[in-house]
């Protein structure tokens, strides 16, 4: 999966993605999620059976994103 926000980053969309990943794992799926990195968050971790990969970006605020944030995430995620 690709999503620029996953808890603790973001708001409602991050919570939806968190719920979807949990349900997919409950259905027996292996789930990898590529999301935005943020200061202090690990580059990789496993949460509720989901492999979380955080890629570098220029995001400055935890709960708000900008166009430069999205561009940097997109460029990092495709590598």
Protein backbone atom coordinates (compact mmCIF):
# COMPACT_ATOMS: atom_id res chain seq x y z
CA UNK A 1 0.00 0.00 0.00
CA UNK A 2 1.00 3.60 -0.53
CA UNK A 3 -0.31 6.33 1.74
CA UNK A 4 1.41 9.53 2.74
CA UNK A 5 -0.20 9.50 6.21
CA UNK A 6 -0.23 6.77 8.83
CA UNK A 7 -0.49 7.28 12.59
CA UNK A 8 0.88 9.29 14.23
CA UNK A 9 0.95 11.49 11.11
CA UNK A 10 -2.22 13.02 9.78
CA UNK A 11 -5.84 12.87 10.79
CA UNK A 12 -8.88 10.98 9.52
CA UNK A 13 -7.23 9.46 6.46
CA UNK A 14 -4.41 8.04 8.57
CA UNK A 15 -6.94 6.37 10.86
CA UNK A 16 -8.75 4.85 7.87
CA UNK A 17 -5.50 3.42 6.49
CA UNK A 18 -4.62 2.04 9.94
CA UNK A 19 -8.01 0.31 10.11
CA UNK A 20 -7.67 -1.08 6.57
CA UNK A 21 -4.22 -2.52 7.25
CA UNK A 22 -5.48 -4.23 10.43
CA UNK A 23 -8.45 -5.77 8.61
CA UNK A 24 -6.31 -6.98 5.70
CA UNK A 25 -3.92 -8.68 8.14
CA UNK A 26 -6.93 -10.22 9.95
CA UNK A 27 -8.00 -11.67 6.58
CA UNK A 28 -4.60 -13.34 6.25
CA UNK A 29 -3.00 -10.86 3.86
CA UNK A 30 0.61 -9.77 4.11
CA UNK A 31 0.61 -5.97 4.14
CA UNK A 32 3.47 -3.60 3.34
CA UNK A 33 2.81 0.13 3.66
CA UNK A 34 5.07 2.87 2.30
CA UNK A 35 4.39 6.13 4.10
CA UNK A 36 6.03 9.45 4.99
CA UNK A 37 8.87 9.56 7.42
CA UNK A 38 8.97 12.14 10.17
CA UNK A 39 11.54 13.09 12.77
CA UNK A 40 11.88 10.51 15.51
CA UNK A 41 9.84 7.80 13.74
CA UNK A 42 11.67 4.60 12.77
CA UNK A 43 12.33 3.94 9.09
CA UNK A 44 10.85 0.46 9.52
CA UNK A 45 8.56 -1.11 12.08
CA UNK A 46 5.83 -3.71 12.23
CA UNK A 47 2.48 -2.64 13.66
CA UNK A 48 -0.31 -5.19 14.09
CA UNK A 49 1.31 -7.41 11.45
CA UNK A 50 1.75 -4.61 8.90
CA UNK A 51 5.26 -3.80 7.67
CA UNK A 52 5.59 -0.02 7.82
CA UNK A 53 8.30 1.57 5.64
CA UNK A 54 8.77 5.29 6.17
CA UNK A 55 10.54 7.15 3.38
CA UNK A 56 12.33 10.50 3.67
CA UNK A 57 10.35 13.66 3.05
CA UNK A 58 10.47 17.34 3.93
CA UNK A 59 7.35 17.29 6.12
CA UNK A 60 7.62 19.95 8.83
CA UNK A 61 4.40 19.42 10.83
CA UNK A 62 2.86 16.22 12.12
CA UNK A 63 -0.78 17.01 11.42
CA UNK A 64 -0.54 19.18 8.26
CA UNK A 65 1.03 18.43 4.88
CA UNK A 66 1.99 20.70 1.99
CA UNK A 67 2.64 20.32 -1.74
CA UNK A 68 6.45 20.12 -1.19
CA UNK A 69 5.82 17.37 1.41
CA UNK A 70 3.78 15.40 -1.13
CA UNK A 71 6.35 15.84 -3.89
CA UNK A 72 9.18 14.67 -1.64
CA UNK A 73 7.12 11.64 -0.49
CA UNK A 74 6.22 10.69 -4.06
CA UNK A 75 9.83 10.90 -5.23
CA UNK A 76 11.07 8.87 -2.25
CA UNK A 77 8.30 6.27 -2.52
CA UNK A 78 9.00 5.42 -6.16
CA UNK A 79 12.62 4.57 -5.45
